[in-house]
Amino acid sequence: MTAIRVTGHDGDVQKVLVERDGQRWEFEVEIDEAQAAELGGEPAGVARATLAFLLDREPPTSIMARFGPGTVRGYFPEYDRELPGYLEGPGAR
């Protein structure tokens, strides 16, 4: 099972902890209020949902330590279309 938790923020950077199979990874998601609203949520929720989206596509070790929505779109064009489903759920599907 994978746990994804937003542990805090520093300005427009959400700090996200991912735990899976006894291992932990920390990520920083750069997202401001306006970007989050465009994606259908608030910064912490969008950061968590973004990590869930990415974890369904690649292992935690392949995810950059710090990134924003624009970076995700560059690799996964379906991000904007599929993110709303991740905003509704409790974590990685």
N, C-alpha and C. Protein backbone atom coordinates (compact mmCIF):
# COMPACT_ATOMS: atom_id res chain seq x y z
N MET A 1 0.84 -1.18 0.00
CA MET A 1 0.00 0.00 0.00
C MET A 1 0.88 1.25 0.00
N THR A 2 0.41 2.26 -0.65
CA THR A 2 1.14 3.52 -0.74
C THR A 2 0.40 4.59 0.05
N ALA A 3 1.14 5.31 0.88
CA ALA A 3 0.59 6.44 1.63
C ALA A 3 1.21 7.72 1.07
N ILE A 4 0.37 8.71 0.84
CA ILE A 4 0.82 10.00 0.31
C ILE A 4 0.28 11.07 1.26
N ARG A 5 1.21 11.83 1.85
CA ARG A 5 0.79 12.87 2.79
C ARG A 5 1.51 14.17 2.51
N VAL A 6 0.76 15.25 2.53
CA VAL A 6 1.37 16.57 2.45
C VAL A 6 1.77 16.92 3.89
N THR A 7 3.06 17.16 4.09
CA THR A 7 3.57 17.37 5.44
C THR A 7 3.78 18.83 5.79
N GLY A 8 3.59 19.71 4.84
CA GLY A 8 3.76 21.14 5.09
C GLY A 8 4.01 21.87 3.80
N HIS A 9 4.32 23.15 3.93
CA HIS A 9 4.60 23.94 2.74
C HIS A 9 5.54 25.08 3.10
N ASP A 10 6.21 25.58 2.10
CA ASP A 10 7.08 26.73 2.23
C ASP A 10 6.72 27.64 1.07
N GLY A 11 5.85 28.59 1.31
CA GLY A 11 5.35 29.45 0.24
C GLY A 11 4.54 28.63 -0.74
N ASP A 12 4.96 28.64 -2.00
CA ASP A 12 4.24 27.92 -3.05
C ASP A 12 4.80 26.51 -3.29
N VAL A 13 5.54 25.98 -2.33
CA VAL A 13 6.11 24.64 -2.44
C VAL A 13 5.47 23.73 -1.39
N GLN A 14 4.76 22.71 -1.87
CA GLN A 14 4.13 21.73 -0.99
C GLN A 14 5.11 20.58 -0.76
N LYS A 15 5.32 20.22 0.48
CA LYS A 15 6.21 19.12 0.82
C LYS A 15 5.37 17.86 0.97
N VAL A 16 5.72 16.82 0.20
CA VAL A 16 4.90 15.61 0.15
C VAL A 16 5.76 14.40 0.51
N LEU A 17 5.24 13.56 1.40
CA LEU A 17 5.91 12.33 1.82
C LEU A 17 5.17 11.14 1.21
N VAL A 18 5.91 10.25 0.59
CA VAL A 18 5.36 9.01 0.04
C VAL A 18 5.99 7.85 0.79
N GLU A 19 5.14 6.94 1.28
CA GLU A 19 5.61 5.74 1.96
C GLU A 19 5.05 4.52 1.25
N ARG A 20 5.96 3.59 0.93
CA ARG A 20 5.54 2.37 0.24
C ARG A 20 6.51 1.25 0.64
N ASP A 21 5.95 0.13 1.06
CA ASP A 21 6.75 -1.04 1.39
C ASP A 21 7.89 -0.72 2.35
N GLY A 22 7.61 0.08 3.37
CA GLY A 22 8.59 0.40 4.39
C GLY A 22 9.64 1.43 3.97
N GLN A 23 9.51 1.98 2.78
CA GLN A 23 10.45 3.00 2.31
C GLN A 23 9.74 4.35 2.24
N ARG A 24 10.54 5.43 2.33
CA ARG A 24 10.00 6.78 2.32
C ARG A 24 10.74 7.64 1.30
N TRP A 25 9.97 8.48 0.63
CA TRP A 25 10.53 9.46 -0.31
C TRP A 25 9.86 10.79 -0.04
N GLU A 26 10.63 11.86 -0.17
CA GLU A 26 10.10 13.20 0.01
C GLU A 26 10.19 13.97 -1.31
N PHE A 27 9.13 14.69 -1.60
CA PHE A 27 9.05 15.47 -2.83
C PHE A 27 8.60 16.88 -2.51
N GLU A 28 8.94 17.81 -3.39
CA GLU A 28 8.47 19.18 -3.30
C GLU A 28 7.74 19.51 -4.58
N VAL A 29 6.47 19.90 -4.44
CA VAL A 29 5.64 20.23 -5.60
C VAL A 29 5.41 21.74 -5.60
N GLU A 30 5.90 22.40 -6.65
CA GLU A 30 5.75 23.84 -6.78
C GLU A 30 4.38 24.14 -7.39
N ILE A 31 3.50 24.73 -6.59
CA ILE A 31 2.15 25.05 -7.10
C ILE A 31 1.57 26.20 -6.28
N ASP A 32 1.09 27.22 -6.97
CA ASP A 32 0.48 28.34 -6.26
C ASP A 32 -1.04 28.20 -6.28
N GLU A 33 -1.70 29.09 -5.58
CA GLU A 33 -3.16 29.04 -5.46
C GLU A 33 -3.85 29.09 -6.82
N ALA A 34 -3.38 29.96 -7.72
CA ALA A 34 -4.02 30.10 -9.03
C ALA A 34 -3.88 28.83 -9.86
N GLN A 35 -2.68 28.23 -9.86
CA GLN A 35 -2.49 26.98 -10.60
C GLN A 35 -3.38 25.89 -10.02
N ALA A 36 -3.44 25.80 -8.71
CA ALA A 36 -4.25 24.77 -8.07
C ALA A 36 -5.72 24.95 -8.43
N ALA A 37 -6.20 26.18 -8.41
CA ALA A 37 -7.60 26.44 -8.75
C ALA A 37 -7.89 26.04 -10.20
N GLU A 38 -6.97 26.32 -11.11
CA GLU A 38 -7.15 25.93 -12.51
C GLU A 38 -7.25 24.40 -12.64
N LEU A 39 -6.56 23.69 -11.76
CA LEU A 39 -6.57 22.22 -11.80
C LEU A 39 -7.73 21.63 -10.99
N GLY A 40 -8.49 22.49 -10.30
CA GLY A 40 -9.68 22.02 -9.61
C GLY A 40 -9.53 21.74 -8.13
N GLY A 41 -8.52 22.31 -7.49
CA GLY A 41 -8.35 22.05 -6.07
C GLY A 41 -7.56 23.14 -5.38
N GLU A 42 -7.08 22.81 -4.18
CA GLU A 42 -6.20 23.71 -3.45
C GLU A 42 -4.80 23.12 -3.49
N PRO A 43 -3.76 23.92 -3.21
CA PRO A 43 -2.39 23.44 -3.43
C PRO A 43 -2.04 22.10 -2.79
N ALA A 44 -2.39 21.89 -1.55
CA ALA A 44 -2.03 20.63 -0.89
C ALA A 44 -2.73 19.45 -1.56
N GLY A 45 -4.00 19.60 -1.88
CA GLY A 45 -4.75 18.52 -2.53
C GLY A 45 -4.23 18.21 -3.93
N VAL A 46 -3.88 19.26 -4.67
CA VAL A 46 -3.34 19.05 -6.01
C VAL A 46 -1.96 18.38 -5.93
N ALA A 47 -1.16 18.77 -4.96
CA ALA A 47 0.16 18.15 -4.79
C ALA A 47 0.02 16.66 -4.50
N ARG A 48 -0.88 16.30 -3.58
CA ARG A 48 -1.10 14.90 -3.24
C ARG A 48 -1.62 14.12 -4.45
N ALA A 49 -2.60 14.70 -5.14
CA ALA A 49 -3.18 14.05 -6.31
C ALA A 49 -2.15 13.89 -7.43
N THR A 50 -1.28 14.87 -7.58
CA THR A 50 -0.24 14.79 -8.60
C THR A 50 0.71 13.63 -8.31
N LEU A 51 1.08 13.45 -7.04
CA LEU A 51 1.95 12.32 -6.70
C LEU A 51 1.23 11.01 -6.95
N ALA A 52 -0.05 10.92 -6.63
CA ALA A 52 -0.82 9.70 -6.89
C ALA A 52 -0.83 9.40 -8.39
N PHE A 53 -1.06 10.43 -9.19
CA PHE A 53 -1.05 10.30 -10.65
C PHE A 53 0.30 9.76 -11.12
N LEU A 54 1.38 10.36 -10.65
CA LEU A 54 2.71 9.93 -11.08
C LEU A 54 3.03 8.50 -10.63
N LEU A 55 2.65 8.15 -9.41
CA LEU A 55 2.95 6.82 -8.89
C LEU A 55 2.21 5.72 -9.64
N ASP A 56 1.13 6.06 -10.30
CA ASP A 56 0.44 5.08 -11.14
C ASP A 56 1.18 4.86 -12.46
N ARG A 57 2.18 5.70 -12.73
CA ARG A 57 2.89 5.62 -14.01
C ARG A 57 4.38 5.28 -13.88
N GLU A 58 4.94 5.50 -12.70
CA GLU A 58 6.37 5.23 -12.52
C GLU A 58 6.68 5.03 -11.04
N PRO A 59 7.82 4.38 -10.75
CA PRO A 59 8.19 4.17 -9.35
C PRO A 59 8.65 5.47 -8.70
N PRO A 60 8.58 5.55 -7.38
CA PRO A 60 9.00 6.77 -6.68
C PRO A 60 10.43 7.18 -7.01
N THR A 61 11.29 6.23 -7.27
CA THR A 61 12.68 6.54 -7.56
C THR A 61 12.86 7.23 -8.91
N SER A 62 11.85 7.20 -9.75
CA SER A 62 11.93 7.86 -11.07
C SER A 62 11.34 9.26 -11.06
N ILE A 63 10.73 9.65 -9.95
CA ILE A 63 10.08 10.96 -9.87
C ILE A 63 11.10 11.99 -9.37
N MET A 64 11.14 13.15 -10.03
CA MET A 64 12.04 14.21 -9.61
C MET A 64 11.72 14.66 -8.19
N ALA A 65 12.72 15.09 -7.46
CA ALA A 65 12.54 15.53 -6.08
C ALA A 65 11.73 16.82 -6.00
N ARG A 66 11.83 17.67 -7.02
CA ARG A 66 11.10 18.94 -7.02
C ARG A 66 10.60 19.21 -8.44
N PHE A 67 9.32 19.53 -8.54
CA PHE A 67 8.71 19.75 -9.86
C PHE A 67 7.40 20.50 -9.69
N GLY A 68 6.83 20.91 -10.80
CA GLY A 68 5.53 21.56 -10.80
C GLY A 68 4.64 20.96 -11.89
N PRO A 69 3.41 21.41 -11.97
CA PRO A 69 2.48 20.88 -12.97
C PRO A 69 2.99 20.98 -14.40
N GLY A 70 3.70 22.04 -14.73
CA GLY A 70 4.22 22.19 -16.09
C GLY A 70 5.18 21.08 -16.46
N THR A 71 5.98 20.67 -15.50
CA THR A 71 6.91 19.56 -15.73
C THR A 71 6.16 18.27 -15.98
N VAL A 72 5.12 18.03 -15.17
CA VAL A 72 4.33 16.81 -15.32
C VAL A 72 3.67 16.78 -16.69
N ARG A 73 3.10 17.90 -17.11
CA ARG A 73 2.45 17.98 -18.43
C ARG A 73 3.43 17.64 -19.55
N GLY A 74 4.68 18.05 -19.40
CA GLY A 74 5.68 17.79 -20.42
C GLY A 74 5.93 16.30 -20.64
N TYR A 75 5.78 15.51 -19.59
CA TYR A 75 5.99 14.07 -19.69
C TYR A 75 4.68 13.30 -19.90
N PHE A 76 3.60 13.83 -19.35
CA PHE A 76 2.31 13.13 -19.39
C PHE A 76 1.22 14.10 -19.85
N PRO A 77 0.96 14.18 -21.15
CA PRO A 77 -0.03 15.12 -21.68
C PRO A 77 -1.44 14.90 -21.13
N GLU A 78 -1.72 13.72 -20.62
CA GLU A 78 -3.05 13.42 -20.08
C GLU A 78 -3.26 13.95 -18.67
N TYR A 79 -2.25 14.58 -18.09
CA TYR A 79 -2.30 15.06 -16.70
C TYR A 79 -3.54 15.91 -16.41
N ASP A 80 -3.77 16.96 -17.18
CA ASP A 80 -4.92 17.85 -16.93
C ASP A 80 -6.25 17.11 -17.03
N ARG A 81 -6.35 16.20 -17.96
CA ARG A 81 -7.60 15.46 -18.18
C ARG A 81 -7.86 14.46 -17.04
N GLU A 82 -6.81 13.82 -16.54
CA GLU A 82 -6.99 12.76 -15.56
C GLU A 82 -6.88 13.20 -14.10
N LEU A 83 -6.30 14.36 -13.85
CA LEU A 83 -6.11 14.79 -12.46
C LEU A 83 -7.41 14.90 -11.66
N PRO A 84 -8.53 15.36 -12.23
CA PRO A 84 -9.75 15.44 -11.42
C PRO A 84 -10.12 14.13 -10.73
N GLY A 85 -9.90 13.00 -11.38
CA GLY A 85 -10.18 11.71 -10.75
C GLY A 85 -9.29 11.44 -9.56
N TYR A 86 -8.08 11.94 -9.58
CA TYR A 86 -7.15 11.77 -8.46
C TYR A 86 -7.47 12.73 -7.33
N LEU A 87 -8.04 13.87 -7.65
CA LEU A 87 -8.45 14.82 -6.61
C LEU A 87 -9.59 14.25 -5.77
N GLU A 88 -10.39 13.40 -6.37
CA GLU A 88 -11.54 12.80 -5.67
C GLU A 88 -11.14 11.65 -4.76
N GLY A 89 -10.04 10.96 -5.09
CA GLY A 89 -9.68 9.74 -4.38
C GLY A 89 -8.76 9.97 -3.19
N PRO A 90 -8.62 8.95 -2.34
CA PRO A 90 -7.81 9.08 -1.13
C PRO A 90 -6.32 8.89 -1.36
N GLY A 91 -5.90 8.43 -2.53
CA GLY A 91 -4.47 8.21 -2.78
C GLY A 91 -4.27 7.54 -4.11
N ALA A 92 -3.12 6.93 -4.28
CA ALA A 92 -2.83 6.25 -5.53
C ALA A 92 -3.83 5.15 -5.77
N ARG A 93 -4.26 5.03 -7.01
CA ARG A 93 -5.27 4.01 -7.36
C ARG A 93 -4.62 2.66 -7.50
